[in-house]
Amino acid sequence: MIEITTAQHLEMLAHAEADFPNECCGLLFGRGTRAEQLRRMENVEHSPLNYRVDPKVLLAVFDEMDQRELELLGIYHSHTHSPAYPSKTDRDLAGYPEAHYLIVSLQHREQPTIRAFRIVQGQVSEEPIEIRHRAAAGPDRSAGEQEVELR
């Protein structure tokens, strides 16, 4: 299972739509199963069929997250015309067996979907996504946030 906030869920959808017709990609960092940080990454391929992140940028982001004592929880990308399921390329290139692979499908752009998977040695297993809602206690959204579980 991976836990994300409503804001992170909406951010992945917005990122996929913004990069359309190309695939988008990004990373989720956190602790345990809870994502605390979403980072949009640039798809340097600028392709509707695959994605790749600049290795130097990736290393810098990993260093920053290590300093904040966060671990990689998820890697997300979009499928512009196919379902939210890992393609053969996704399975072949999956190099982080401990991470969740989240796929945003824009196959039906009016109803995009996000699903999460583990990919270990080419084997795919679907994982649940738990979305947490954050309700602000006052006009300052950064203060007094409260997390509420949605079911």
Protein backbone atom coordinates (compact mmCIF):
# COMPACT_ATOMS: atom_id res chain seq x y z
CA MET A 1 0.00 0.00 0.00
CA ILE A 2 0.99 3.60 -0.60
CA GLU A 3 -0.66 6.55 1.12
CA ILE A 4 -0.95 9.84 -0.75
CA THR A 5 -2.81 13.06 -0.05
CA THR A 6 -5.66 14.40 -2.13
CA ALA A 7 -3.32 17.21 -3.19
CA GLN A 8 -0.69 14.71 -4.41
CA HIS A 9 -3.38 12.77 -6.29
CA LEU A 10 -4.59 15.96 -7.98
CA GLU A 11 -1.00 17.04 -8.71
CA MET A 12 -0.26 13.79 -10.58
CA LEU A 13 -3.45 14.24 -12.64
CA ALA A 14 -2.56 17.89 -13.38
CA HIS A 15 0.99 16.95 -14.34
CA ALA A 16 -0.22 14.26 -16.74
CA GLU A 17 -2.66 16.70 -18.35
CA ALA A 18 -0.05 19.48 -18.57
CA ASP A 19 2.49 17.25 -20.33
CA PHE A 20 -0.05 15.66 -22.70
CA PRO A 21 0.45 14.43 -25.43
CA ASN A 22 3.76 13.34 -23.91
CA GLU A 23 4.18 11.14 -20.86
CA CYS A 24 4.88 12.90 -17.58
CA CYS A 25 7.00 11.49 -14.76
CA GLY A 26 7.74 12.22 -11.14
CA LEU A 27 8.72 10.84 -7.76
CA LEU A 28 7.10 10.36 -4.36
CA PHE A 29 9.25 10.39 -1.22
CA GLY A 30 8.25 9.71 2.36
CA ARG A 31 8.47 7.36 5.30
CA GLY A 32 6.91 3.92 5.68
CA THR A 33 3.92 3.86 3.36
CA ARG A 34 3.11 7.60 3.58
CA ALA A 35 4.19 9.91 0.75
CA GLU A 36 5.30 13.27 2.12
CA GLN A 37 6.90 14.87 -0.94
CA LEU A 38 5.92 14.77 -4.61
CA ARG A 39 8.49 15.96 -7.13
CA ARG A 40 7.58 16.61 -10.74
CA MET A 41 10.41 15.57 -13.01
CA GLU A 42 11.04 16.50 -16.63
CA ASN A 43 10.62 13.74 -19.18
CA VAL A 44 13.74 14.46 -21.21
CA GLU A 45 12.45 12.14 -23.95
CA HIS A 46 9.44 14.44 -24.54
CA SER A 47 7.68 11.36 -25.88
CA PRO A 48 4.13 10.00 -25.81
CA LEU A 49 5.55 6.47 -25.56
CA ASN A 50 8.18 6.53 -22.82
CA TYR A 51 9.86 8.65 -20.18
CA ARG A 52 13.37 9.24 -18.88
CA VAL A 53 14.78 11.59 -16.25
CA ASP A 54 18.15 13.31 -16.58
CA PRO A 55 20.47 11.19 -14.37
CA LYS A 56 22.21 14.27 -12.91
CA VAL A 57 18.89 15.80 -11.87
CA LEU A 58 17.75 12.46 -10.45
CA LEU A 59 20.94 12.17 -8.37
CA ALA A 60 20.48 15.71 -7.02
CA VAL A 61 16.88 14.97 -6.00
CA PHE A 62 17.92 11.71 -4.30
CA ASP A 63 20.67 13.57 -2.41
CA GLU A 64 18.20 16.24 -1.28
CA MET A 65 15.70 13.63 -0.10
CA ASP A 66 18.45 11.69 1.72
CA GLN A 67 19.34 14.87 3.61
CA ARG A 68 15.69 15.19 4.62
CA GLU A 69 15.71 11.51 5.67
CA LEU A 70 13.02 10.59 3.16
CA GLU A 71 13.04 7.43 1.06
CA LEU A 72 11.76 6.75 -2.42
CA LEU A 73 8.21 5.41 -2.13
CA GLY A 74 6.91 5.82 -5.65
CA ILE A 75 7.66 6.60 -9.25
CA TYR A 76 4.79 7.91 -11.32
CA HIS A 77 4.28 8.42 -15.01
CA SER A 78 1.41 8.75 -17.41
CA HIS A 79 0.09 6.61 -20.21
CA THR A 80 -1.42 8.93 -22.78
CA HIS A 81 -3.51 6.42 -24.74
CA SER A 82 -3.42 3.15 -22.82
CA PRO A 83 -4.71 1.78 -19.51
CA ALA A 84 -3.05 2.34 -16.13
CA TYR A 85 -1.10 -0.92 -16.26
CA PRO A 86 2.68 -1.40 -16.68
CA SER A 87 3.71 -1.88 -20.29
CA LYS A 88 6.45 -4.30 -21.32
CA THR A 89 8.86 -1.35 -21.37
CA ASP A 90 7.74 -0.33 -17.86
CA ARG A 91 8.35 -3.87 -16.61
CA ASP A 92 11.72 -4.17 -18.35
CA LEU A 93 13.01 -0.85 -17.00
CA ALA A 94 11.66 -1.12 -13.45
CA GLY A 95 14.84 -0.78 -11.39
CA TYR A 96 13.44 -0.02 -7.92
CA PRO A 97 11.70 -3.16 -6.58
CA GLU A 98 10.99 -1.45 -3.24
CA ALA A 99 9.11 1.41 -4.94
CA HIS A 100 5.52 1.66 -6.05
CA TYR A 101 5.00 2.41 -9.72
CA LEU A 102 1.98 4.67 -10.12
CA ILE A 103 0.50 5.04 -13.58
CA VAL A 104 -1.86 7.83 -14.57
CA SER A 105 -3.96 6.79 -17.54
CA LEU A 106 -5.32 9.47 -19.84
CA GLN A 107 -6.87 6.87 -22.12
CA HIS A 108 -10.23 8.40 -21.18
CA ARG A 109 -9.16 12.00 -20.56
CA GLU A 110 -12.50 12.98 -19.07
CA GLN A 111 -11.99 10.27 -16.40
CA PRO A 112 -8.27 9.75 -15.78
CA THR A 113 -7.27 6.89 -13.50
CA ILE A 114 -4.30 6.20 -11.24
CA ARG A 115 -3.24 2.73 -10.18
CA ALA A 116 -0.18 1.56 -8.21
CA PHE A 117 1.96 -1.53 -8.78
CA ARG A 118 5.07 -3.26 -7.53
CA ILE A 119 7.32 -4.57 -10.26
CA VAL A 120 9.88 -7.12 -9.09
CA GLN A 121 11.94 -9.00 -11.66
CA GLY A 122 9.34 -8.23 -14.31
CA GLN A 123 6.46 -9.55 -12.19
CA VAL A 124 3.61 -7.10 -11.62
CA SER A 125 1.34 -6.97 -8.57
CA GLU A 126 -1.23 -4.26 -7.98
CA GLU A 127 -1.06 -2.34 -4.71
CA PRO A 128 -3.78 -0.27 -3.05
CA ILE A 129 -3.58 3.52 -2.99
CA GLU A 130 -4.98 5.17 0.12
CA ILE A 131 -5.86 8.82 -0.37
CA ARG A 132 -5.74 11.05 2.72
CA HIS A 133 -7.74 14.25 2.82
CA ARG A 134 -6.19 17.25 4.54
CA ALA A 135 -8.59 19.73 6.09
CA ALA A 136 -7.26 23.11 7.16
CA ALA A 137 -8.23 24.32 10.62
CA GLY A 138 -8.15 28.00 9.66
CA PRO A 139 -7.28 30.47 6.90
CA ASP A 140 -3.59 29.51 7.10
CA ARG A 141 -3.54 26.11 5.41
CA SER A 142 0.02 25.36 6.53
CA ALA A 143 -0.95 25.58 10.21
CA GLY A 144 -3.24 23.18 11.97
CA GLU A 145 -3.63 20.70 9.13
CA GLN A 146 -5.49 17.59 10.03
CA GLU A 147 -5.40 14.39 8.02
CA VAL A 148 -8.60 12.50 7.53
CA GLU A 149 -8.76 9.08 5.91
CA LEU A 150 -11.13 8.74 2.95
CA ARG A 151 -12.67 5.36 2.18
